[in-house]
Amino acid sequence: MFDLNERGGFVKWFGMDIAQIYQAERERGSQINQLNHPRNGCNYLCRIQYDRLTGLPLLKDPTELGLEPSAQLWSWDFDTVEYQNGPDQVFVDPAKPDSTGTFDDWMSFLNLGHFVTALGNTDTHDYGTVGTPRNYFASPTDEPESFKDEYLVESFKKGRVLVSNGAFARVLADGTGGMGDIITNTTGAVSLALKIEAPKEIDVAYFKVYVNCDQILNIAATSPDAAVKYDGTVQVPVNRDSHIVVLGFGKKDMPRGLPNYNPVNVPRFTTNAIYIDADGDSKFTAPGGKVCVYDLKGP
């Protein structure tokens, strides 16, 4: 039983707007605020008509959501987003554009200069399958007795997290930049080293590289059914400050005992962003709101 007024207790969220909820979470000691269920089934981003180009809600009347007329419908006071809720598709479905497209939402956050970390959560209820997806985060130790909570908090806040639906990937830009890092490269091309692994029964047939949410590379894995699917380096053209993410995809069903999903719409893995300073000013300048350009086809 929690005292709702004490630090660490539940937030009495009913009737509060999003900014008030985030503030209440911080006051109760929250180190990581997450935007949950952002769009699936026409959840919050759908209901406020979030505009991916401006980062603002198109809905103007908060009373339509049962809130006070003066309620604030949007706040950037969150650190992570539930990019995947179970093995749901992440791309925009033209038949259901308002309730799909968490990839585009997350890309919108980055394009508008908000360093939000993408996470994947099982959200298991009752007897549902656990562990799909799951998050792998950077830590200085894998010994339980040496682990500290701040290792998780730091990795989540800095974007050092891989979202997995069965596969694992290591990614490094120019030999130094991992997920969450900002590196300087003014040459017009970034060398992206990538190692993709998974059990042999889980295929990774190809991967795609996105720059500022546009699909730039679409590359077949060298050994889709081996333990190491791909281990190599690709050249990624970058002509302005950019964020780079990599998504891997399969073609086959998941092994028996694991939940199946559409491997075209649901990536086997998603890296968080690596940020490229392409103009040499030692900072990342976000590109601004834009429409993502990609397709759902393999190479």
Protein backbone atom coordinates (compact mmCIF):
# COMPACT_ATOMS: atom_id res chain seq x y z
CA MET A 1 0.00 0.00 0.00
CA PHE A 2 1.48 3.34 -1.09
CA ASP A 3 0.86 6.75 0.38
CA LEU A 4 -0.03 8.73 -2.73
CA ASN A 5 1.44 11.88 -1.24
CA GLU A 6 4.83 10.40 -0.39
CA ARG A 7 7.90 10.31 -2.58
CA GLY A 8 7.88 7.08 -4.55
CA GLY A 9 4.08 6.64 -4.49
CA PHE A 10 1.64 6.49 -7.37
CA VAL A 11 0.63 9.63 -9.24
CA LYS A 12 -3.03 10.66 -9.02
CA TRP A 13 -3.08 11.20 -12.74
CA PHE A 14 -6.82 11.42 -13.42
CA GLY A 15 -7.69 14.95 -14.54
CA MET A 16 -4.03 16.00 -14.82
CA ASP A 17 -2.55 17.10 -18.11
CA ILE A 18 0.64 15.59 -19.48
CA ALA A 19 2.93 18.30 -18.11
CA GLN A 20 1.43 17.92 -14.64
CA ILE A 21 1.83 14.16 -14.76
CA TYR A 22 5.50 14.41 -15.73
CA GLN A 23 6.12 17.02 -13.04
CA ALA A 24 4.43 14.84 -10.42
CA GLU A 25 6.59 11.90 -11.49
CA ARG A 26 9.75 13.99 -11.11
CA GLU A 27 8.63 15.18 -7.68
CA ARG A 28 8.22 11.57 -6.61
CA GLY A 29 11.78 10.78 -7.61
CA SER A 30 11.41 9.61 -11.19
CA GLN A 31 14.77 9.54 -12.96
CA ILE A 32 13.29 8.33 -16.25
CA ASN A 33 9.98 9.59 -17.60
CA GLN A 34 8.60 7.49 -20.44
CA LEU A 35 5.90 8.20 -23.01
CA ASN A 36 3.97 4.92 -23.01
CA HIS A 37 1.53 3.51 -25.57
CA PRO A 38 2.08 6.58 -27.75
CA ARG A 39 -0.09 5.62 -30.68
CA ASN A 40 -1.26 1.98 -30.74
CA GLY A 41 -5.04 1.80 -31.06
CA CYS A 42 -5.27 5.60 -31.30
CA ASN A 43 -3.63 6.40 -27.99
CA TYR A 44 -2.27 9.75 -26.86
CA LEU A 45 -0.35 10.96 -29.93
CA CYS A 46 -3.29 9.99 -32.09
CA ARG A 47 -5.83 11.67 -29.80
CA ILE A 48 -3.97 14.99 -29.60
CA GLN A 49 -3.24 14.80 -33.34
CA TYR A 50 0.51 15.15 -32.81
CA ASP A 51 2.09 16.92 -35.79
CA ARG A 52 5.41 15.26 -36.65
CA LEU A 53 6.59 18.32 -38.56
CA THR A 54 6.16 20.85 -35.75
CA GLY A 55 6.16 18.71 -32.61
CA LEU A 56 2.87 20.28 -31.53
CA PRO A 57 -0.67 18.94 -31.10
CA LEU A 58 -3.19 19.93 -33.76
CA LEU A 59 -6.01 19.36 -31.26
CA LYS A 60 -6.86 22.76 -29.77
CA ASP A 61 -9.61 21.91 -27.31
CA PRO A 62 -8.42 19.94 -24.25
CA THR A 63 -12.00 19.48 -23.09
CA GLU A 64 -12.40 16.89 -25.86
CA LEU A 65 -10.14 14.70 -23.71
CA GLY A 66 -12.00 15.51 -20.51
CA LEU A 67 -9.41 18.07 -19.38
CA GLU A 68 -9.72 21.68 -18.33
CA PRO A 69 -9.75 24.27 -21.16
CA SER A 70 -6.34 25.56 -20.00
CA ALA A 71 -4.73 22.10 -19.92
CA GLN A 72 -1.38 21.60 -21.62
CA LEU A 73 -1.61 18.87 -24.24
CA TRP A 74 2.10 18.40 -24.86
CA SER A 75 5.36 18.42 -22.92
CA TRP A 76 8.91 17.39 -23.80
CA ASP A 77 9.67 16.41 -20.20
CA PHE A 78 10.22 12.74 -21.03
CA ASP A 79 13.40 10.75 -21.60
CA THR A 80 12.24 7.59 -23.37
CA VAL A 81 9.40 6.50 -25.64
CA GLU A 82 7.73 3.11 -25.86
CA TYR A 83 8.65 2.74 -29.50
CA GLN A 84 7.50 -0.88 -29.47
CA ASN A 85 4.68 -2.23 -27.32
CA GLY A 86 4.96 -5.97 -27.78
CA PRO A 87 5.80 -7.10 -31.33
CA ASP A 88 3.64 -4.39 -32.90
CA GLN A 89 4.50 -2.85 -36.24
CA VAL A 90 6.40 0.42 -36.04
CA PHE A 91 5.86 1.91 -39.50
CA VAL A 92 2.90 3.87 -40.81
CA ASP A 93 0.09 1.70 -42.17
CA PRO A 94 -1.63 3.71 -44.95
CA ALA A 95 -4.90 2.06 -43.97
CA LYS A 96 -4.52 3.24 -40.35
CA PRO A 97 -2.26 6.30 -40.46
CA ASP A 98 -3.49 7.85 -37.20
CA SER A 99 -2.92 4.78 -35.02
CA THR A 100 0.40 3.57 -36.49
CA GLY A 101 3.88 4.94 -37.09
CA THR A 102 5.81 4.94 -33.82
CA PHE A 103 9.04 4.87 -35.85
CA ASP A 104 8.00 8.15 -37.51
CA ASP A 105 7.03 9.61 -34.13
CA TRP A 106 10.40 8.75 -32.60
CA MET A 107 12.19 10.11 -35.67
CA SER A 108 10.15 13.30 -35.33
CA PHE A 109 11.45 13.75 -31.78
CA LEU A 110 15.05 13.38 -32.97
CA ASN A 111 14.53 15.56 -36.03
CA LEU A 112 13.20 18.33 -33.80
CA GLY A 113 16.24 18.14 -31.53
CA HIS A 114 14.91 16.07 -28.63
CA PHE A 115 17.27 13.26 -27.65
CA VAL A 116 14.60 10.71 -26.79
CA THR A 117 15.63 7.07 -26.33
CA ALA A 118 13.53 4.39 -28.04
CA LEU A 119 12.59 1.37 -25.92
CA GLY A 120 10.70 -1.83 -26.57
CA ASN A 121 8.52 -3.33 -23.84
CA THR A 122 6.66 -6.60 -23.57
CA ASP A 123 3.69 -5.07 -21.72
CA THR A 124 2.58 -8.56 -20.76
CA HIS A 125 -0.83 -9.06 -19.18
CA ASP A 126 -2.35 -12.25 -17.83
CA TYR A 127 -0.65 -15.18 -19.61
CA GLY A 128 1.00 -13.28 -22.45
CA THR A 129 4.52 -14.06 -23.63
CA VAL A 130 7.27 -12.14 -21.86
CA GLY A 131 10.52 -10.84 -23.28
CA THR A 132 9.37 -9.69 -26.73
CA PRO A 133 10.67 -7.12 -27.27
CA ARG A 134 13.39 -6.46 -24.72
CA ASN A 135 16.08 -3.81 -24.20
CA TYR A 136 19.84 -4.34 -24.01
CA PHE A 137 21.68 -1.44 -22.43
CA ALA A 138 25.34 -0.57 -21.95
CA SER A 139 26.76 -1.29 -18.51
CA PRO A 140 30.29 -1.29 -17.09
CA THR A 141 29.57 -4.67 -15.49
CA ASP A 142 27.45 -7.76 -15.97
CA GLU A 143 28.00 -8.98 -12.42
CA PRO A 144 24.75 -8.61 -10.44
CA GLU A 145 26.53 -7.86 -7.17
CA SER A 146 28.45 -4.98 -8.80
CA PHE A 147 25.54 -3.50 -10.73
CA LYS A 148 24.15 -0.11 -9.72
CA ASP A 149 20.82 1.45 -10.70
CA GLU A 150 22.57 4.51 -12.10
CA TYR A 151 24.13 2.36 -14.85
CA LEU A 152 20.67 1.71 -16.28
CA VAL A 153 19.53 5.30 -15.79
CA GLU A 154 22.58 6.72 -17.55
CA SER A 155 22.30 4.35 -20.52
CA PHE A 156 18.58 4.98 -20.94
CA LYS A 157 19.01 8.75 -20.79
CA LYS A 158 21.98 8.75 -23.17
CA GLY A 159 20.43 6.43 -25.76
CA ARG A 160 22.81 3.52 -25.20
CA VAL A 161 20.08 0.93 -25.69
CA LEU A 162 19.30 -1.68 -28.33
CA VAL A 163 15.68 -2.80 -28.84
CA SER A 164 15.50 -6.50 -29.70
CA ASN A 165 12.80 -8.72 -31.12
CA GLY A 166 15.10 -11.73 -31.29
CA ALA A 167 18.35 -10.34 -32.69
CA PHE A 168 21.28 -8.37 -31.32
CA ALA A 169 23.52 -5.84 -33.05
CA ARG A 170 26.69 -3.93 -32.28
CA VAL A 171 27.16 -0.69 -34.19
CA LEU A 172 30.09 1.72 -34.27
CA ALA A 173 30.63 4.85 -36.37
CA ASP A 174 34.16 5.69 -37.53
CA GLY A 175 35.56 3.30 -34.95
CA THR A 176 34.61 5.47 -31.98
CA GLY A 177 30.93 6.44 -31.94
CA GLY A 178 28.38 4.12 -30.37
CA MET A 179 24.68 4.59 -29.74
CA GLY A 180 23.99 7.92 -28.07
CA ASP A 181 27.37 9.43 -29.01
CA ILE A 182 28.03 12.54 -31.07
CA ILE A 183 31.04 12.28 -33.40
CA THR A 184 32.53 14.77 -35.83
CA ASN A 185 32.90 13.72 -39.47
CA THR A 186 33.18 16.34 -42.21
CA THR A 187 34.17 13.97 -45.05
CA GLY A 188 30.64 13.34 -46.36
CA ALA A 189 30.62 9.64 -45.46
CA VAL A 190 30.59 7.73 -42.18
CA SER A 191 32.11 4.25 -41.83
CA LEU A 192 29.52 2.22 -39.96
CA ALA A 193 30.72 -1.10 -38.54
CA LEU A 194 27.91 -3.52 -37.80
CA LYS A 195 27.82 -6.99 -36.28
CA ILE A 196 24.44 -8.71 -36.19
CA GLU A 197 23.87 -11.87 -34.13
CA ALA A 198 20.97 -14.12 -33.18
CA PRO A 199 20.24 -17.79 -32.60
CA LYS A 200 20.47 -19.71 -35.87
CA GLU A 201 16.71 -20.33 -35.77
CA ILE A 202 15.99 -16.58 -35.94
CA ASP A 203 16.83 -15.21 -39.36
CA VAL A 204 17.99 -11.66 -40.10
CA ALA A 205 17.75 -11.40 -43.86
CA TYR A 206 18.64 -7.72 -44.29
CA PHE A 207 19.14 -4.44 -42.50
CA LYS A 208 18.37 -0.83 -43.31
CA VAL A 209 20.23 2.33 -42.38
CA TYR A 210 18.23 5.52 -41.85
CA VAL A 211 19.72 9.02 -41.83
CA ASN A 212 17.47 11.72 -40.35
CA CYS A 213 14.67 9.16 -40.79
CA ASP A 214 15.26 8.64 -44.52
CA GLN A 215 16.17 5.14 -45.68
CA ILE A 216 19.68 5.39 -47.14
CA LEU A 217 20.92 1.78 -47.30
CA ASN A 218 19.11 -1.53 -47.72
CA ILE A 219 21.61 -4.38 -47.43
CA ALA A 220 21.27 -8.16 -47.47
CA ALA A 221 22.79 -10.07 -44.56
CA THR A 222 25.64 -12.34 -45.55
CA SER A 223 24.51 -15.34 -43.44
CA PRO A 224 20.83 -14.94 -42.47
CA ASP A 225 20.59 -18.36 -40.81
CA ALA A 226 23.97 -18.45 -39.06
CA ALA A 227 24.67 -17.21 -35.55
CA VAL A 228 26.51 -14.21 -36.99
CA LYS A 229 24.25 -12.77 -39.67
CA TYR A 230 26.51 -9.94 -40.75
CA ASP A 231 29.90 -8.61 -39.70
CA GLY A 232 31.19 -5.78 -41.85
CA THR A 233 31.40 -2.07 -42.54
CA VAL A 234 29.22 0.09 -44.77
CA GLN A 235 29.70 3.66 -45.94
CA VAL A 236 26.84 5.96 -45.02
CA PRO A 237 26.60 9.25 -46.96
CA VAL A 238 26.13 12.21 -44.62
CA ASN A 239 26.10 15.74 -46.01
CA ARG A 240 24.74 17.55 -42.97
CA ASP A 241 24.39 17.01 -39.23
CA SER A 242 22.49 13.73 -38.95
CA HIS A 243 21.28 10.98 -36.69
CA ILE A 244 21.79 7.40 -37.86
CA VAL A 245 19.78 4.35 -36.81
CA VAL A 246 19.87 0.76 -38.06
CA LEU A 247 16.97 -1.70 -38.17
CA GLY A 248 17.25 -5.41 -39.01
CA PHE A 249 14.53 -7.54 -40.59
CA GLY A 250 13.74 -11.21 -41.17
CA LYS A 251 11.68 -13.17 -43.66
CA LYS A 252 10.76 -16.32 -41.76
CA ASP A 253 8.52 -17.17 -38.83
CA MET A 254 10.00 -17.10 -35.36
CA PRO A 255 10.95 -20.47 -33.84
CA ARG A 256 8.31 -22.52 -32.07
CA GLY A 257 7.60 -21.18 -28.58
CA LEU A 258 8.19 -17.54 -29.51
CA PRO A 259 5.47 -15.14 -30.64
CA ASN A 260 5.29 -14.59 -34.37
CA TYR A 261 4.93 -11.21 -36.01
CA ASN A 262 5.17 -9.66 -39.45
CA PRO A 263 8.96 -9.44 -39.96
CA VAL A 264 8.55 -6.76 -42.64
CA ASN A 265 6.75 -4.29 -40.37
CA VAL A 266 8.45 -5.31 -37.13
CA PRO A 267 12.25 -5.12 -36.98
CA ARG A 268 14.29 -7.90 -35.40
CA PHE A 269 16.40 -5.16 -33.80
CA THR A 270 16.55 -1.36 -33.62
CA THR A 271 19.61 0.62 -32.63
CA ASN A 272 19.26 3.95 -30.93
CA ALA A 273 20.80 6.90 -32.71
CA ILE A 274 24.39 7.84 -33.36
CA TYR A 275 24.69 11.59 -33.95
CA ILE A 276 26.99 13.02 -36.60
CA ASP A 277 28.44 16.53 -36.48
CA ALA A 278 29.04 17.01 -40.20
CA ASP A 279 29.87 20.73 -40.23
CA GLY A 280 32.63 20.55 -37.63
CA ASP A 281 31.13 22.86 -35.02
CA SER A 282 31.36 20.17 -32.32
CA LYS A 283 27.60 19.88 -31.82
CA PHE A 284 24.60 18.19 -33.38
CA THR A 285 22.15 20.49 -35.13
CA ALA A 286 18.83 18.78 -35.68
CA PRO A 287 17.42 18.86 -39.23
CA GLY A 288 13.95 20.05 -38.18
CA GLY A 289 10.56 18.56 -38.92
CA LYS A 290 10.38 16.44 -42.06
CA VAL A 291 8.49 13.56 -43.63
CA CYS A 292 10.37 10.25 -43.38
CA VAL A 293 11.17 8.58 -46.69
CA TYR A 294 11.40 4.77 -46.60
CA ASP A 295 9.88 1.60 -48.01
CA LEU A 296 9.14 -1.82 -46.55
CA LYS A 297 10.92 -3.86 -49.22
CA GLY A 298 13.98 -6.01 -48.80
CA PRO A 299 17.04 -5.67 -51.05
